[in-house]
């Protein structure tokens, strides 16, 4: 059995700790009540502080750095996640210990995520304590990891109507979890810790059925919806605000080395079961229909559908859309233009 990471202050009740551990905490209702009170006080303090800052704000404009905006964004999101977890723990006592150990006992989003990923990806020989330290250190040394996590959480919540809360995404969405774990594997790859990056890549594939090579580059605001069977090759690049559904392959052709995988632009939507092969470019805001096989470049703001894929409206004057498919999640608006060819 893999070891488990327990946050400070958690009581553990187990007859054989190494083989089977059961997470417990005493007087859960009392602790949840204290946590509830603390969160409400924190929210009240933040509100009062905000009003005070508004009253004291100088007339001259002030410069807010990008890092300050990220911290403010993360602080708000983490408070929201804690409030959601507390609500769920109170409404469903069976989940109280689980929510306490994964969210409510932690002081920050990165600690909660590191703990959760460590327990998800550990094995009998790759200990959760090691993974927790590895993940937390990665967040500490690369601030972009946290900003990407925040962007991904917001993307999933906004684009997937089945996502009922941020805490639901953080704990249960394997596409989100696989993406965060990949980002850390990619950092390890870039830092020349490649054996560890490949070991982590293997665990991600085993646990989440998502196979992303650690060298692949992925932007922010990503949604891997359902995620099962997604394959992303070594030299693939995925831009920002991209949405990819299950069983999508971004693959190479043949066994040649070098730059051989697709480059996906910002705001692209790739439907379920689509296959995109070779060092080709999918332009910004393009849409790839479900089940399509794409072998050549797709221009920006166009829709490619079929096997082999064809451009809606024709190759010479393809139809172009104004929205961002990766954000709107509009899979079927092209059908009216293909009405003569479909059932």
C-alpha atoms as a PDB file:
ATOM      1  CA  UNK A   1       0.000   0.000   0.000  1.00  0.00           C
ATOM      2  CA  UNK A   2       1.134   3.536  -0.723  1.00  0.00           C
ATOM      3  CA  UNK A   3       1.782   5.803   2.196  1.00  0.00           C
ATOM      4  CA  UNK A   4      -0.563   8.715   2.795  1.00  0.00           C
ATOM      5  CA  UNK A   5       0.221  12.316   3.617  1.00  0.00           C
ATOM      6  CA  UNK A   6      -1.656  13.766   6.580  1.00  0.00           C
ATOM      7  CA  UNK A   7      -1.700  17.516   7.293  1.00  0.00           C
ATOM      8  CA  UNK A   8      -0.397  18.831  10.608  1.00  0.00           C
ATOM      9  CA  UNK A   9      -2.822  18.361  13.486  1.00  0.00           C
ATOM     10  CA  UNK A  10      -4.698  15.454  11.920  1.00  0.00           C
ATOM     11  CA  UNK A  11      -5.334  12.512  14.242  1.00  0.00           C
ATOM     12  CA  UNK A  12      -4.690   9.090  12.766  1.00  0.00           C
ATOM     13  CA  UNK A  13      -6.358   5.950  13.958  1.00  0.00           C
ATOM     14  CA  UNK A  14      -4.846   2.765  12.603  1.00  0.00           C
ATOM     15  CA  UNK A  15      -3.794  -0.637  13.843  1.00  0.00           C
ATOM     16  CA  UNK A  16      -1.197  -1.008  11.117  1.00  0.00           C
ATOM     17  CA  UNK A  17      -0.117   2.381   9.905  1.00  0.00           C
ATOM     18  CA  UNK A  18       2.162   1.109   7.140  1.00  0.00           C
ATOM     19  CA  UNK A  19      -0.428  -1.155   5.591  1.00  0.00           C
ATOM     20  CA  UNK A  20      -3.751   0.599   6.186  1.00  0.00           C
ATOM     21  CA  UNK A  21      -4.403   4.085   7.498  1.00  0.00           C
ATOM     22  CA  UNK A  22      -7.772   5.588   8.268  1.00  0.00           C
ATOM     23  CA  UNK A  23      -8.056   9.329   8.519  1.00  0.00           C
ATOM     24  CA  UNK A  24     -10.046  10.529  11.526  1.00  0.00           C
ATOM     25  CA  UNK A  25     -10.569  13.712  13.396  1.00  0.00           C
ATOM     26  CA  UNK A  26     -12.426  14.026  16.682  1.00  0.00           C
ATOM     27  CA  UNK A  27     -15.410  16.252  17.289  1.00  0.00           C
ATOM     28  CA  UNK A  28     -15.781  16.976  13.588  1.00  0.00           C
ATOM     29  CA  UNK A  29     -18.874  19.111  14.086  1.00  0.00           C
ATOM     30  CA  UNK A  30     -17.001  21.250  16.614  1.00  0.00           C
ATOM     31  CA  UNK A  31     -14.018  21.667  14.285  1.00  0.00           C
ATOM     32  CA  UNK A  32     -16.235  22.442  11.297  1.00  0.00           C
ATOM     33  CA  UNK A  33     -18.059  24.999  13.413  1.00  0.00           C
ATOM     34  CA  UNK A  34     -14.761  26.653  14.325  1.00  0.00           C
ATOM     35  CA  UNK A  35     -13.655  26.557  10.687  1.00  0.00           C
ATOM     36  CA  UNK A  36     -16.959  28.048   9.601  1.00  0.00           C
ATOM     37  CA  UNK A  37     -16.574  30.840  12.144  1.00  0.00           C
ATOM     38  CA  UNK A  38     -12.961  31.429  11.057  1.00  0.00           C
ATOM     39  CA  UNK A  39     -13.892  31.614   7.381  1.00  0.00           C
ATOM     40  CA  UNK A  40     -16.738  34.042   8.094  1.00  0.00           C
ATOM     41  CA  UNK A  41     -14.420  36.204  10.209  1.00  0.00           C
ATOM     42  CA  UNK A  42     -11.807  36.091   7.463  1.00  0.00           C
ATOM     43  CA  UNK A  43     -14.363  37.150   4.859  1.00  0.00           C
ATOM     44  CA  UNK A  44     -15.602  39.932   7.138  1.00  0.00           C
ATOM     45  CA  UNK A  45     -12.050  41.124   7.766  1.00  0.00           C
ATOM     46  CA  UNK A  46     -11.293  41.106   4.047  1.00  0.00           C
ATOM     47  CA  UNK A  47     -14.475  43.088   3.391  1.00  0.00           C
ATOM     48  CA  UNK A  48     -13.650  45.641   6.107  1.00  0.00           C
ATOM     49  CA  UNK A  49     -10.076  45.847   4.910  1.00  0.00           C
ATOM     50  CA  UNK A  50     -11.302  46.432   1.376  1.00  0.00           C
ATOM     51  CA  UNK A  51     -13.560  49.300   2.508  1.00  0.00           C
ATOM     52  CA  UNK A  52     -10.729  50.796   4.546  1.00  0.00           C
ATOM     53  CA  UNK A  53      -8.398  50.625   1.588  1.00  0.00           C
ATOM     54  CA  UNK A  54     -10.998  52.324  -0.607  1.00  0.00           C
ATOM     55  CA  UNK A  55     -11.328  55.188   1.902  1.00  0.00           C
ATOM     56  CA  UNK A  56      -7.566  55.592   2.161  1.00  0.00           C
ATOM     57  CA  UNK A  57      -6.855  55.206  -1.549  1.00  0.00           C
ATOM     58  CA  UNK A  58      -4.872  58.175  -2.862  1.00  0.00           C
ATOM     59  CA  UNK A  59      -6.191  60.239  -5.751  1.00  0.00           C
ATOM     60  CA  UNK A  60      -3.105  59.467  -7.791  1.00  0.00           C
ATOM     61  CA  UNK A  61      -3.220  56.236  -9.778  1.00  0.00           C
ATOM     62  CA  UNK A  62      -1.173  53.330  -8.476  1.00  0.00           C
ATOM     63  CA  UNK A  63       0.573  50.608 -10.423  1.00  0.00           C
ATOM     64  CA  UNK A  64      -0.474  47.029  -9.690  1.00  0.00           C
ATOM     65  CA  UNK A  65       1.985  44.392 -10.797  1.00  0.00           C
ATOM     66  CA  UNK A  66       1.013  41.174 -12.540  1.00  0.00           C
ATOM     67  CA  UNK A  67       2.219  39.115  -9.559  1.00  0.00           C
ATOM     68  CA  UNK A  68      -0.004  41.138  -7.197  1.00  0.00           C
ATOM     69  CA  UNK A  69      -3.020  40.459  -9.403  1.00  0.00           C
ATOM     70  CA  UNK A  70      -2.234  36.731  -9.383  1.00  0.00           C
ATOM     71  CA  UNK A  71      -1.960  36.690  -5.576  1.00  0.00           C
ATOM     72  CA  UNK A  72      -5.265  38.550  -5.220  1.00  0.00           C
ATOM     73  CA  UNK A  73      -6.916  36.169  -7.683  1.00  0.00           C
ATOM     74  CA  UNK A  74      -5.575  33.105  -5.854  1.00  0.00           C
ATOM     75  CA  UNK A  75      -6.603  34.479  -2.455  1.00  0.00           C
ATOM     76  CA  UNK A  76     -10.193  35.017  -3.564  1.00  0.00           C
ATOM     77  CA  UNK A  77     -10.369  31.620  -5.261  1.00  0.00           C
ATOM     78  CA  UNK A  78      -8.917  29.782  -2.264  1.00  0.00           C
ATOM     79  CA  UNK A  79     -11.437  31.449   0.065  1.00  0.00           C
ATOM     80  CA  UNK A  80     -14.213  30.363  -2.286  1.00  0.00           C
ATOM     81  CA  UNK A  81     -12.932  26.769  -2.378  1.00  0.00           C
ATOM     82  CA  UNK A  82     -12.760  26.596   1.426  1.00  0.00           C
ATOM     83  CA  UNK A  83     -16.294  27.956   1.746  1.00  0.00           C
ATOM     84  CA  UNK A  84     -17.575  25.376  -0.748  1.00  0.00           C
ATOM     85  CA  UNK A  85     -15.785  22.529   1.037  1.00  0.00           C
ATOM     86  CA  UNK A  86     -17.168  23.629   4.399  1.00  0.00           C
ATOM     87  CA  UNK A  87     -20.684  23.778   2.980  1.00  0.00           C
ATOM     88  CA  UNK A  88     -20.326  20.273   1.531  1.00  0.00           C
ATOM     89  CA  UNK A  89     -18.881  18.896   4.776  1.00  0.00           C
ATOM     90  CA  UNK A  90     -21.829  20.249   6.727  1.00  0.00           C
ATOM     91  CA  UNK A  91     -24.420  18.934   4.257  1.00  0.00           C
ATOM     92  CA  UNK A  92     -22.746  15.523   3.811  1.00  0.00           C
ATOM     93  CA  UNK A  93     -21.029  14.343   7.045  1.00  0.00           C
ATOM     94  CA  UNK A  94     -19.683  11.233   5.285  1.00  0.00           C
ATOM     95  CA  UNK A  95     -17.308  13.535   3.393  1.00  0.00           C
ATOM     96  CA  UNK A  96     -16.256  15.624   6.399  1.00  0.00           C
ATOM     97  CA  UNK A  97     -12.940  13.840   7.058  1.00  0.00           C
ATOM     98  CA  UNK A  98     -12.116  13.742   3.352  1.00  0.00           C
ATOM     99  CA  UNK A  99     -12.811  17.446   2.856  1.00  0.00           C
ATOM    100  CA  UNK A 100     -10.931  18.333   6.031  1.00  0.00           C
ATOM    101  CA  UNK A 101      -7.811  16.443   4.953  1.00  0.00           C
ATOM    102  CA  UNK A 102      -7.818  17.612   1.321  1.00  0.00           C
ATOM    103  CA  UNK A 103      -8.932  21.239   1.650  1.00  0.00           C
ATOM    104  CA  UNK A 104      -9.983  22.623   5.029  1.00  0.00           C
ATOM    105  CA  UNK A 105      -6.787  21.765   6.917  1.00  0.00           C
ATOM    106  CA  UNK A 106      -4.520  23.507   4.397  1.00  0.00           C
ATOM    107  CA  UNK A 107      -3.396  27.116   4.358  1.00  0.00           C
ATOM    108  CA  UNK A 108      -3.201  27.627   0.591  1.00  0.00           C
ATOM    109  CA  UNK A 109      -4.362  26.317  -2.767  1.00  0.00           C
ATOM    110  CA  UNK A 110      -0.921  24.994  -3.690  1.00  0.00           C
ATOM    111  CA  UNK A 111      -0.650  23.030  -0.436  1.00  0.00           C
ATOM    112  CA  UNK A 112      -4.084  21.509  -0.915  1.00  0.00           C
ATOM    113  CA  UNK A 113      -3.356  20.585  -4.532  1.00  0.00           C
ATOM    114  CA  UNK A 114       0.089  19.174  -3.686  1.00  0.00           C
ATOM    115  CA  UNK A 115      -1.441  17.030  -0.946  1.00  0.00           C
ATOM    116  CA  UNK A 116      -4.259  15.790  -3.171  1.00  0.00           C
ATOM    117  CA  UNK A 117      -2.029  15.038  -6.168  1.00  0.00           C
ATOM    118  CA  UNK A 118       0.511  13.321  -3.923  1.00  0.00           C
ATOM    119  CA  UNK A 119      -2.118  10.910  -2.656  1.00  0.00           C
ATOM    120  CA  UNK A 120      -3.586  10.371  -6.122  1.00  0.00           C
ATOM    121  CA  UNK A 121      -0.281   9.612  -7.841  1.00  0.00           C
ATOM    122  CA  UNK A 122       1.645   7.761  -5.143  1.00  0.00           C
ATOM    123  CA  UNK A 123       2.463   4.076  -5.324  1.00  0.00           C
ATOM    124  CA  UNK A 124       4.055   1.535  -3.018  1.00  0.00           C
ATOM    125  CA  UNK A 125       7.487   2.688  -4.211  1.00  0.00           C
ATOM    126  CA  UNK A 126       6.796   6.346  -5.082  1.00  0.00           C
ATOM    127  CA  UNK A 127       5.705   7.715  -1.730  1.00  0.00           C
ATOM    128  CA  UNK A 128       3.081  10.405  -1.282  1.00  0.00           C
ATOM    129  CA  UNK A 129       5.335  12.259   1.163  1.00  0.00           C
ATOM    130  CA  UNK A 130       8.011  12.543  -1.516  1.00  0.00           C
ATOM    131  CA  UNK A 131       5.483  13.722  -4.109  1.00  0.00           C
ATOM    132  CA  UNK A 132       3.962  16.257  -1.724  1.00  0.00           C
ATOM    133  CA  UNK A 133       7.365  17.830  -1.074  1.00  0.00           C
ATOM    134  CA  UNK A 134       8.213  17.710  -4.787  1.00  0.00           C
ATOM    135  CA  UNK A 135       4.976  19.403  -5.843  1.00  0.00           C
ATOM    136  CA  UNK A 136       5.091  22.039  -3.116  1.00  0.00           C
ATOM    137  CA  UNK A 137       8.700  22.900  -3.949  1.00  0.00           C
ATOM    138  CA  UNK A 138       7.746  23.216  -7.626  1.00  0.00           C
ATOM    139  CA  UNK A 139       5.048  25.757  -6.757  1.00  0.00           C
ATOM    140  CA  UNK A 140       7.500  27.651  -4.552  1.00  0.00           C
ATOM    141  CA  UNK A 141      10.154  27.935  -7.264  1.00  0.00           C
ATOM    142  CA  UNK A 142       7.856  28.636 -10.229  1.00  0.00           C
ATOM    143  CA  UNK A 143       5.042  31.169  -9.595  1.00  0.00           C
ATOM    144  CA  UNK A 144       3.623  30.523 -13.075  1.00  0.00           C
ATOM    145  CA  UNK A 145       2.443  27.104 -11.898  1.00  0.00           C
ATOM    146  CA  UNK A 146      -0.017  28.652  -9.451  1.00  0.00           C
ATOM    147  CA  UNK A 147      -1.287  31.234 -11.934  1.00  0.00           C
ATOM    148  CA  UNK A 148      -1.879  28.412 -14.439  1.00  0.00           C
ATOM    149  CA  UNK A 149      -3.767  26.412 -11.805  1.00  0.00           C
ATOM    150  CA  UNK A 150      -6.009  29.397 -11.052  1.00  0.00           C
ATOM    151  CA  UNK A 151      -6.655  29.977 -14.771  1.00  0.00           C
ATOM    152  CA  UNK A 152      -7.493  26.298 -15.308  1.00  0.00           C
ATOM    153  CA  UNK A 153      -9.906  26.206 -12.361  1.00  0.00           C
ATOM    154  CA  UNK A 154     -11.725  29.234 -13.718  1.00  0.00           C
ATOM    155  CA  UNK A 155     -11.795  27.769 -17.227  1.00  0.00           C
ATOM    156  CA  UNK A 156     -13.342  24.484 -16.112  1.00  0.00           C
ATOM    157  CA  UNK A 157     -15.929  26.221 -13.937  1.00  0.00           C
ATOM    158  CA  UNK A 158     -16.923  28.609 -16.742  1.00  0.00           C
ATOM    159  CA  UNK A 159     -17.021  26.146 -19.646  1.00  0.00           C
ATOM    160  CA  UNK A 160     -18.357  22.918 -18.177  1.00  0.00           C
ATOM    161  CA  UNK A 161     -21.986  23.139 -16.994  1.00  0.00           C
ATOM    162  CA  UNK A 162     -21.496  19.858 -15.104  1.00  0.00           C
ATOM    163  CA  UNK A 163     -18.875  21.478 -12.849  1.00  0.00           C
ATOM    164  CA  UNK A 164     -20.881  22.577  -9.811  1.00  0.00           C
ATOM    165  CA  UNK A 165     -18.081  24.278  -7.857  1.00  0.00           C
ATOM    166  CA  UNK A 166     -14.363  25.071  -7.797  1.00  0.00           C
ATOM    167  CA  UNK A 167     -13.828  22.524  -5.031  1.00  0.00           C
ATOM    168  CA  UNK A 168     -15.555  19.891  -7.173  1.00  0.00           C
ATOM    169  CA  UNK A 169     -13.060  20.583  -9.960  1.00  0.00           C
ATOM    170  CA  UNK A 170     -10.073  20.620  -7.597  1.00  0.00           C
ATOM    171  CA  UNK A 171     -10.930  17.256  -6.073  1.00  0.00           C
ATOM    172  CA  UNK A 172     -12.710  15.302  -8.789  1.00  0.00           C
ATOM    173  CA  UNK A 173     -11.868  16.461 -12.312  1.00  0.00           C
ATOM    174  CA  UNK A 174      -9.181  14.153 -13.598  1.00  0.00           C
ATOM    175  CA  UNK A 175      -8.523  16.315 -16.651  1.00  0.00           C
ATOM    176  CA  UNK A 176      -7.711  19.252 -14.392  1.00  0.00           C
ATOM    177  CA  UNK A 177      -5.593  17.115 -12.057  1.00  0.00           C
ATOM    178  CA  UNK A 178      -3.706  15.493 -14.947  1.00  0.00           C
ATOM    179  CA  UNK A 179      -2.955  18.920 -16.405  1.00  0.00           C
ATOM    180  CA  UNK A 180      -1.570  20.268 -13.106  1.00  0.00           C
ATOM    181  CA  UNK A 181       0.557  17.163 -12.613  1.00  0.00           C
ATOM    182  CA  UNK A 182       1.832  17.489 -16.184  1.00  0.00           C
ATOM    183  CA  UNK A 183       2.909  21.076 -15.556  1.00  0.00           C
ATOM    184  CA  UNK A 184       5.127  19.851 -12.722  1.00  0.00           C
ATOM    185  CA  UNK A 185       6.471  17.001 -14.869  1.00  0.00           C
ATOM    186  CA  UNK A 186       7.259  19.566 -17.574  1.00  0.00           C
ATOM    187  CA  UNK A 187       9.138  21.722 -15.059  1.00  0.00           C
ATOM    188  CA  UNK A 188      11.178  18.675 -14.055  1.00  0.00           C
ATOM    189  CA  UNK A 189      11.886  17.967 -17.726  1.00  0.00           C
ATOM    190  CA  UNK A 190      13.069  21.533 -18.344  1.00  0.00           C
ATOM    191  CA  UNK A 191      15.192  21.372 -15.175  1.00  0.00           C
ATOM    192  CA  UNK A 192      16.945  18.256 -16.578  1.00  0.00           C
ATOM    193  CA  UNK A 193      15.369  15.920 -14.003  1.00  0.00           C
ATOM    194  CA  UNK A 194      14.119  13.746 -16.809  1.00  0.00           C
ATOM    195  CA  UNK A 195      14.017  10.306 -15.147  1.00  0.00           C
ATOM    196  CA  UNK A 196      11.723  11.745 -12.463  1.00  0.00           C
ATOM    197  CA  UNK A 197       9.668  13.601 -15.081  1.00  0.00           C
ATOM    198  CA  UNK A 198       9.153  10.362 -17.013  1.00  0.00           C
ATOM    199  CA  UNK A 199       8.256   8.455 -13.842  1.00  0.00           C
ATOM    200  CA  UNK A 200       5.644  11.087 -13.005  1.00  0.00           C
ATOM    201  CA  UNK A 201       4.368  10.983 -16.586  1.00  0.00           C
ATOM    202  CA  UNK A 202       3.867   7.234 -16.250  1.00  0.00           C
ATOM    203  CA  UNK A 203       1.898   7.637 -13.020  1.00  0.00           C
ATOM    204  CA  UNK A 204      -0.311  10.326 -14.595  1.00  0.00           C
ATOM    205  CA  UNK A 205      -1.101   7.989 -17.490  1.00  0.00           C
ATOM    206  CA  UNK A 206      -1.824   5.072 -15.146  1.00  0.00           C
ATOM    207  CA  UNK A 207      -4.048   7.000 -12.737  1.00  0.00           C
ATOM    208  CA  UNK A 208      -5.867   9.455 -15.013  1.00  0.00           C
ATOM    209  CA  UNK A 209      -5.627   7.675 -18.432  1.00  0.00           C
ATOM    210  CA  UNK A 210      -4.159  10.895 -19.833  1.00  0.00           C
ATOM    211  CA  UNK A 211      -0.850  10.522 -21.693  1.00  0.00           C
ATOM    212  CA  UNK A 212       0.989  13.841 -22.064  1.00  0.00           C
ATOM    213  CA  UNK A 213       4.715  13.692 -22.719  1.00  0.00           C
ATOM    214  CA  UNK A 214       6.547  15.821 -20.117  1.00  0.00           C
ATOM    215  CA  UNK A 215       8.260  17.830 -22.858  1.00  0.00           C
ATOM    216  CA  UNK A 216       4.936  19.014 -24.321  1.00  0.00           C
ATOM    217  CA  UNK A 217       4.179  22.705 -23.716  1.00  0.00           C
ATOM    218  CA  UNK A 218       0.725  23.663 -22.456  1.00  0.00           C
ATOM    219  CA  UNK A 219      -0.648  27.170 -21.912  1.00  0.00           C
ATOM    220  CA  UNK A 220      -3.095  28.488 -19.314  1.00  0.00           C
ATOM    221  CA  UNK A 221      -6.877  28.379 -19.075  1.00  0.00           C
ATOM    222  CA  UNK A 222      -7.004  24.770 -20.302  1.00  0.00           C
ATOM    223  CA  UNK A 223      -9.999  22.450 -20.176  1.00  0.00           C
ATOM    224  CA  UNK A 224      -9.465  18.720 -20.682  1.00  0.00           C
ATOM    225  CA  UNK A 225     -13.140  17.745 -20.629  1.00  0.00           C
ATOM    226  CA  UNK A 226     -13.654  14.114 -19.505  1.00  0.00           C
ATOM    227  CA  UNK A 227      -9.986  13.639 -20.508  1.00  0.00           C
ATOM    228  CA  UNK A 228      -9.959   9.839 -20.880  1.00  0.00           C
ATOM    229  CA  UNK A 229      -7.686   8.702 -23.684  1.00  0.00           C
ATOM    230  CA  UNK A 230      -6.079  12.076 -24.410  1.00  0.00           C
ATOM    231  CA  UNK A 231      -2.609  11.695 -25.964  1.00  0.00           C
ATOM    232  CA  UNK A 232      -0.229  14.638 -26.448  1.00  0.00           C
ATOM    233  CA  UNK A 233       3.156  14.017 -28.057  1.00  0.00           C
ATOM    234  CA  UNK A 234       6.616  15.213 -27.091  1.00  0.00           C
ATOM    235  CA  UNK A 235       6.942  18.279 -29.344  1.00  0.00           C
ATOM    236  CA  UNK A 236       3.291  19.343 -29.229  1.00  0.00           C
ATOM    237  CA  UNK A 237       2.428  22.884 -28.148  1.00  0.00           C
ATOM    238  CA  UNK A 238      -0.995  23.918 -26.819  1.00  0.00           C
ATOM    239  CA  UNK A 239      -1.813  27.627 -26.496  1.00  0.00           C
ATOM    240  CA  UNK A 240      -3.940  29.466 -23.958  1.00  0.00           C
ATOM    241  CA  UNK A 241      -7.699  29.047 -23.427  1.00  0.00           C
ATOM    242  CA  UNK A 242      -7.872  25.772 -25.347  1.00  0.00           C
ATOM    243  CA  UNK A 243     -10.557  23.140 -24.755  1.00  0.00           C
ATOM    244  CA  UNK A 244      -9.886  19.493 -25.605  1.00  0.00           C
ATOM    245  CA  UNK A 245     -12.352  16.658 -25.203  1.00  0.00           C
ATOM    246  CA  UNK A 246     -11.767  12.967 -24.544  1.00  0.00           C
ATOM    247  CA  UNK A 247      -9.894  10.589 -26.858  1.00  0.00           C
ATOM    248  CA  UNK A 248      -8.077  13.375 -28.694  1.00  0.00           C
ATOM    249  CA  UNK A 249      -4.639  12.571 -30.124  1.00  0.00           C
ATOM    250  CA  UNK A 250      -1.977  15.155 -30.927  1.00  0.00           C
ATOM    251  CA  UNK A 251       0.470  12.747 -32.509  1.00  0.00           C
ATOM    252  CA  UNK A 252       3.407  12.418 -34.835  1.00  0.00           C
ATOM    253  CA  UNK A 253       3.802  10.562 -38.103  1.00  0.00           C
ATOM    254  CA  UNK A 254       6.221   7.671 -38.480  1.00  0.00           C
ATOM    255  CA  UNK A 255       9.217   7.190 -36.222  1.00  0.00           C
ATOM    256  CA  UNK A 256      11.275  10.249 -37.136  1.00  0.00           C
ATOM    257  CA  UNK A 257      12.734  12.420 -34.380  1.00  0.00           C
ATOM    258  CA  UNK A 258      12.672  16.197 -34.096  1.00  0.00           C
ATOM    259  CA  UNK A 259       9.733  18.594 -34.193  1.00  0.00           C
ATOM    260  CA  UNK A 260       6.926  16.285 -35.286  1.00  0.00           C
ATOM    261  CA  UNK A 261       3.738  17.118 -33.361  1.00  0.00           C
ATOM    262  CA  UNK A 262       0.885  19.639 -33.784  1.00  0.00           C
ATOM    263  CA  UNK A 263       0.917  23.256 -32.649  1.00  0.00           C
ATOM    264  CA  UNK A 264      -2.464  24.325 -31.273  1.00  0.00           C
ATOM    265  CA  UNK A 265      -3.217  28.062 -31.243  1.00  0.00           C
ATOM    266  CA  UNK A 266      -5.011  30.057 -28.558  1.00  0.00           C
ATOM    267  CA  UNK A 267      -8.756  29.575 -28.143  1.00  0.00           C
ATOM    268  CA  UNK A 268      -9.001  26.339 -30.152  1.00  0.00           C
ATOM    269  CA  UNK A 269     -11.734  23.757 -29.528  1.00  0.00           C
ATOM    270  CA  UNK A 270     -10.957  20.103 -30.358  1.00  0.00           C
ATOM    271  CA  UNK A 271     -13.939  17.751 -30.339  1.00  0.00           C
ATOM    272  CA  UNK A 272     -14.055  14.237 -28.920  1.00  0.00           C
ATOM    273  CA  UNK A 273     -12.089  11.574 -30.756  1.00  0.00           C
ATOM    274  CA  UNK A 274     -10.289  13.982 -33.090  1.00  0.00           C
ATOM    275  CA  UNK A 275      -6.840  13.003 -34.342  1.00  0.00           C
ATOM    276  CA  UNK A 276      -4.323  15.655 -35.368  1.00  0.00           C
ATOM    277  CA  UNK A 277      -1.063  14.333 -36.764  1.00  0.00           C
ATOM    278  CA  UNK A 278       2.287  15.825 -37.689  1.00  0.00           C
ATOM    279  CA  UNK A 279       4.021  19.160 -37.252  1.00  0.00           C
ATOM    280  CA  UNK A 280       1.025  21.173 -38.421  1.00  0.00           C
ATOM    281  CA  UNK A 281      -0.597  24.352 -37.125  1.00  0.00           C
ATOM    282  CA  UNK A 282      -4.154  24.701 -35.909  1.00  0.00           C
ATOM    283  CA  UNK A 283      -4.770  28.441 -36.118  1.00  0.00           C
ATOM    284  CA  UNK A 284      -6.021  30.671 -33.338  1.00  0.00           C
ATOM    285  CA  UNK A 285      -9.722  30.223 -32.591  1.00  0.00           C
ATOM    286  CA  UNK A 286     -10.129  27.257 -34.942  1.00  0.00           C
ATOM    287  CA  UNK A 287     -12.605  24.460 -34.321  1.00  0.00           C
ATOM    288  CA  UNK A 288     -11.935  20.755 -34.972  1.00  0.00           C
ATOM    289  CA  UNK A 289     -15.081  18.633 -35.188  1.00  0.00           C
ATOM    290  CA  UNK A 290     -15.494  15.409 -33.235  1.00  0.00           C
ATOM    291  CA  UNK A 291     -13.928  12.368 -34.872  1.00  0.00           C
ATOM    292  CA  UNK A 292     -12.000  14.403 -37.444  1.00  0.00           C
ATOM    293  CA  UNK A 293      -8.594  13.387 -38.788  1.00  0.00           C
ATOM    294  CA  UNK A 294      -6.489  16.470 -39.477  1.00  0.00           C
ATOM    295  CA  UNK A 295      -3.278  16.154 -41.495  1.00  0.00           C
ATOM    296  CA  UNK A 296      -2.643  19.706 -42.768  1.00  0.00           C
ATOM    297  CA  UNK A 297      -2.773  23.227 -41.344  1.00  0.00           C
ATOM    298  CA  UNK A 298      -6.140  24.661 -40.319  1.00  0.00           C
ATOM    299  CA  UNK A 299      -6.510  28.458 -40.741  1.00  0.00           C
ATOM    300  CA  UNK A 300      -7.492  30.660 -37.813  1.00  0.00           C
ATOM    301  CA  UNK A 301     -11.214  31.066 -37.023  1.00  0.00           C
ATOM    302  CA  UNK A 302     -12.250  28.216 -39.330  1.00  0.00           C
ATOM    303  CA  UNK A 303     -13.878  24.833 -38.736  1.00  0.00           C
ATOM    304  CA  UNK A 304     -12.395  21.530 -39.935  1.00  0.00           C
ATOM    305  CA  UNK A 305     -14.604  18.439 -39.931  1.00  0.00           C
ATOM    306  CA  UNK A 306     -14.436  14.895 -41.284  1.00  0.00           C
ATOM    307  CA  UNK A 307     -12.014  12.112 -42.167  1.00  0.00           C
ATOM    308  CA  UNK A 308      -9.937  13.425 -43.789  1.00  0.00           C
ATOM    309  CA  UNK A 309     -10.886  16.834 -42.418  1.00  0.00           C
ATOM    310  CA  UNK A 310     -12.314  19.479 -44.745  1.00  0.00           C
ATOM    311  CA  UNK A 311     -12.930  23.162 -44.102  1.00  0.00           C
ATOM    312  CA  UNK A 312     -16.546  24.231 -43.691  1.00  0.00           C
ATOM    313  CA  UNK A 313     -17.318  26.607 -46.568  1.00  0.00           C
ATOM    314  CA  UNK A 314     -14.598  25.170 -48.785  1.00  0.00           C
ATOM    315  CA  UNK A 315     -10.847  25.421 -49.013  1.00  0.00           C
ATOM    316  CA  UNK A 316     -10.774  28.616 -51.078  1.00  0.00           C
ATOM    317  CA  UNK A 317     -13.255  30.674 -49.014  1.00  0.00           C
ATOM    318  CA  UNK A 318     -13.807  28.883 -45.706  1.00  0.00           C
ATOM    319  CA  UNK A 319     -16.467  30.119 -43.315  1.00  0.00           C
ATOM    320  CA  UNK A 320     -14.997  32.094 -40.434  1.00  0.00           C
ATOM    321  CA  UNK A 321     -16.486  32.608 -36.991  1.00  0.00           C
ATOM    322  CA  UNK A 322     -16.042  35.535 -34.623  1.00  0.00           C
ATOM    323  CA  UNK A 323     -16.388  33.734 -31.294  1.00  0.00           C
ATOM    324  CA  UNK A 324     -13.633  31.863 -29.449  1.00  0.00           C
ATOM    325  CA  UNK A 325     -14.638  28.175 -29.643  1.00  0.00           C
ATOM    326  CA  UNK A 326     -12.261  27.162 -26.869  1.00  0.00           C
ATOM    327  CA  UNK A 327     -14.298  29.356 -24.519  1.00  0.00           C
ATOM    328  CA  UNK A 328     -17.812  29.143 -25.994  1.00  0.00           C
ATOM    329  CA  UNK A 329     -17.645  25.328 -26.359  1.00  0.00           C
ATOM    330  CA  UNK A 330     -19.831  25.586 -29.477  1.00  0.00           C
ATOM    331  CA  UNK A 331     -19.421  22.224 -31.200  1.00  0.00           C
ATOM    332  CA  UNK A 332     -22.252  22.228 -33.736  1.00  0.00           C
ATOM    333  CA  UNK A 333     -22.837  25.697 -35.213  1.00  0.00           C
ATOM    334  CA  UNK A 334     -21.291  24.541 -38.501  1.00  0.00           C
ATOM    335  CA  UNK A 335     -23.952  21.877 -39.102  1.00  0.00           C
ATOM    336  CA  UNK A 336     -26.370  24.222 -40.881  1.00  0.00           C
ATOM    337  CA  UNK A 337     -23.756  24.771 -43.585  1.00  0.00           C
ATOM    338  CA  UNK A 338     -23.391  21.024 -44.025  1.00  0.00           C
ATOM    339  CA  UNK A 339     -27.115  20.264 -43.967  1.00  0.00           C
ATOM    340  CA  UNK A 340     -27.033  18.783 -47.468  1.00  0.00           C
ATOM    341  CA  UNK A 341     -24.498  16.185 -46.382  1.00  0.00           C
ATOM    342  CA  UNK A 342     -25.726  15.037 -42.981  1.00  0.00           C
ATOM    343  CA  UNK A 343     -28.627  12.912 -41.762  1.00  0.00           C
END
